[in-house]
């Protein structure tokens, strides 16, 4: 989550206002609009939610994924044993 808010700080401090020397006049206004939109969108942190119930962190997501793989492996081994 901290990386998404860090993006706005990096975009703002990348010296974009003096980059009009390198861009043509008609492209510079589009460039300003795009940078402004990117800064605006990146100020809101990105969150992964589970059914809008709780926010998932990397630790909880990896724990859920690890548990899911364990259950899948167990069920697959039981299924293969039952086939024999």
C-alpha atoms as a PDB file:
ATOM      1  CA  UNK A   1       0.000   0.000   0.000  1.00  0.00           C
ATOM      2  CA  UNK A   2       2.876   2.368   0.633  1.00  0.00           C
ATOM      3  CA  UNK A   3       4.152   1.905  -2.923  1.00  0.00           C
ATOM      4  CA  UNK A   4       0.958   3.296  -4.422  1.00  0.00           C
ATOM      5  CA  UNK A   5       1.194   6.507  -2.389  1.00  0.00           C
ATOM      6  CA  UNK A   6       4.911   6.732  -3.138  1.00  0.00           C
ATOM      7  CA  UNK A   7       4.055   6.872  -6.849  1.00  0.00           C
ATOM      8  CA  UNK A   8       2.369  10.262  -6.437  1.00  0.00           C
ATOM      9  CA  UNK A   9       5.436  11.654  -4.680  1.00  0.00           C
ATOM     10  CA  UNK A  10       7.760  10.350  -7.400  1.00  0.00           C
ATOM     11  CA  UNK A  11       5.579  11.734 -10.189  1.00  0.00           C
ATOM     12  CA  UNK A  12       5.425  15.132  -8.550  1.00  0.00           C
ATOM     13  CA  UNK A  13       9.161  15.321  -7.946  1.00  0.00           C
ATOM     14  CA  UNK A  14      10.279  14.098 -11.391  1.00  0.00           C
ATOM     15  CA  UNK A  15      10.744  17.653 -12.686  1.00  0.00           C
ATOM     16  CA  UNK A  16       7.870  17.347 -15.155  1.00  0.00           C
ATOM     17  CA  UNK A  17       7.092  21.064 -15.190  1.00  0.00           C
ATOM     18  CA  UNK A  18      10.417  21.873 -16.863  1.00  0.00           C
ATOM     19  CA  UNK A  19      10.107  19.109 -19.441  1.00  0.00           C
ATOM     20  CA  UNK A  20       8.351  21.424 -21.928  1.00  0.00           C
ATOM     21  CA  UNK A  21      11.730  22.036 -23.516  1.00  0.00           C
ATOM     22  CA  UNK A  22      11.688  18.481 -24.801  1.00  0.00           C
ATOM     23  CA  UNK A  23       8.040  18.300 -25.825  1.00  0.00           C
ATOM     24  CA  UNK A  24       6.228  20.105 -28.586  1.00  0.00           C
ATOM     25  CA  UNK A  25       3.752  22.755 -27.530  1.00  0.00           C
ATOM     26  CA  UNK A  26       0.623  20.766 -28.448  1.00  0.00           C
ATOM     27  CA  UNK A  27       1.842  17.639 -26.654  1.00  0.00           C
ATOM     28  CA  UNK A  28       2.872  19.482 -23.508  1.00  0.00           C
ATOM     29  CA  UNK A  29      -0.712  20.220 -22.436  1.00  0.00           C
ATOM     30  CA  UNK A  30      -1.647  16.556 -22.892  1.00  0.00           C
ATOM     31  CA  UNK A  31       1.446  15.584 -20.943  1.00  0.00           C
ATOM     32  CA  UNK A  32       0.469  17.900 -18.082  1.00  0.00           C
ATOM     33  CA  UNK A  33      -3.057  16.471 -18.026  1.00  0.00           C
ATOM     34  CA  UNK A  34      -1.778  12.897 -17.956  1.00  0.00           C
ATOM     35  CA  UNK A  35       0.733  13.587 -15.190  1.00  0.00           C
ATOM     36  CA  UNK A  36      -1.934  15.410 -13.188  1.00  0.00           C
ATOM     37  CA  UNK A  37      -4.352  12.497 -13.614  1.00  0.00           C
ATOM     38  CA  UNK A  38      -1.682   9.974 -12.632  1.00  0.00           C
ATOM     39  CA  UNK A  39      -0.821  11.965  -9.505  1.00  0.00           C
ATOM     40  CA  UNK A  40      -4.497  12.248  -8.591  1.00  0.00           C
ATOM     41  CA  UNK A  41      -5.173   8.522  -9.094  1.00  0.00           C
ATOM     42  CA  UNK A  42      -2.084   7.388  -7.216  1.00  0.00           C
ATOM     43  CA  UNK A  43      -2.867   9.414  -4.095  1.00  0.00           C
ATOM     44  CA  UNK A  44      -5.497   6.860  -3.139  1.00  0.00           C
ATOM     45  CA  UNK A  45      -3.757   3.700  -1.905  1.00  0.00           C
ATOM     46  CA  UNK A  46      -4.407   0.474  -3.758  1.00  0.00           C
ATOM     47  CA  UNK A  47      -6.095  -2.137  -1.594  1.00  0.00           C
ATOM     48  CA  UNK A  48      -6.981  -5.732  -2.281  1.00  0.00           C
ATOM     49  CA  UNK A  49     -10.176  -6.659  -0.483  1.00  0.00           C
ATOM     50  CA  UNK A  50     -11.832  -9.993   0.136  1.00  0.00           C
ATOM     51  CA  UNK A  51     -15.459  -9.497  -0.948  1.00  0.00           C
ATOM     52  CA  UNK A  52     -15.281  -5.930   0.410  1.00  0.00           C
ATOM     53  CA  UNK A  53     -15.095  -7.512   3.840  1.00  0.00           C
ATOM     54  CA  UNK A  54     -11.474  -7.031   4.834  1.00  0.00           C
ATOM     55  CA  UNK A  55      -8.279  -5.697   3.346  1.00  0.00           C
ATOM     56  CA  UNK A  56      -5.724  -8.326   2.419  1.00  0.00           C
ATOM     57  CA  UNK A  57      -2.079  -7.799   3.128  1.00  0.00           C
ATOM     58  CA  UNK A  58       0.736  -9.672   1.460  1.00  0.00           C
ATOM     59  CA  UNK A  59       1.145 -11.890   4.518  1.00  0.00           C
ATOM     60  CA  UNK A  60      -2.527 -12.836   4.725  1.00  0.00           C
ATOM     61  CA  UNK A  61      -2.752 -13.407   0.975  1.00  0.00           C
ATOM     62  CA  UNK A  62       0.279 -15.704   0.991  1.00  0.00           C
ATOM     63  CA  UNK A  63      -1.119 -17.599   3.992  1.00  0.00           C
ATOM     64  CA  UNK A  64      -4.451 -18.108   2.206  1.00  0.00           C
ATOM     65  CA  UNK A  65      -2.670 -19.211  -0.950  1.00  0.00           C
ATOM     66  CA  UNK A  66      -0.419 -21.618   0.942  1.00  0.00           C
ATOM     67  CA  UNK A  67      -3.372 -23.153   2.793  1.00  0.00           C
ATOM     68  CA  UNK A  68      -5.328 -23.487  -0.457  1.00  0.00           C
ATOM     69  CA  UNK A  69      -2.450 -25.318  -2.127  1.00  0.00           C
ATOM     70  CA  UNK A  70      -2.116 -27.616   0.871  1.00  0.00           C
ATOM     71  CA  UNK A  71      -5.831 -28.509   0.767  1.00  0.00           C
ATOM     72  CA  UNK A  72      -5.677 -29.039  -2.991  1.00  0.00           C
ATOM     73  CA  UNK A  73      -2.666 -31.354  -2.643  1.00  0.00           C
ATOM     74  CA  UNK A  74      -4.408 -33.314   0.123  1.00  0.00           C
ATOM     75  CA  UNK A  75      -7.615 -33.706  -1.898  1.00  0.00           C
ATOM     76  CA  UNK A  76      -5.696 -34.723  -5.009  1.00  0.00           C
ATOM     77  CA  UNK A  77      -3.744 -37.385  -3.108  1.00  0.00           C
ATOM     78  CA  UNK A  78      -6.964 -38.723  -1.572  1.00  0.00           C
ATOM     79  CA  UNK A  79      -8.579 -38.812  -4.995  1.00  0.00           C
ATOM     80  CA  UNK A  80      -5.599 -40.630  -6.518  1.00  0.00           C
ATOM     81  CA  UNK A  81      -5.550 -43.146  -3.651  1.00  0.00           C
ATOM     82  CA  UNK A  82      -9.280 -43.805  -4.107  1.00  0.00           C
ATOM     83  CA  UNK A  83      -8.744 -44.484  -7.822  1.00  0.00           C
ATOM     84  CA  UNK A  84      -6.226 -47.243  -7.062  1.00  0.00           C
END
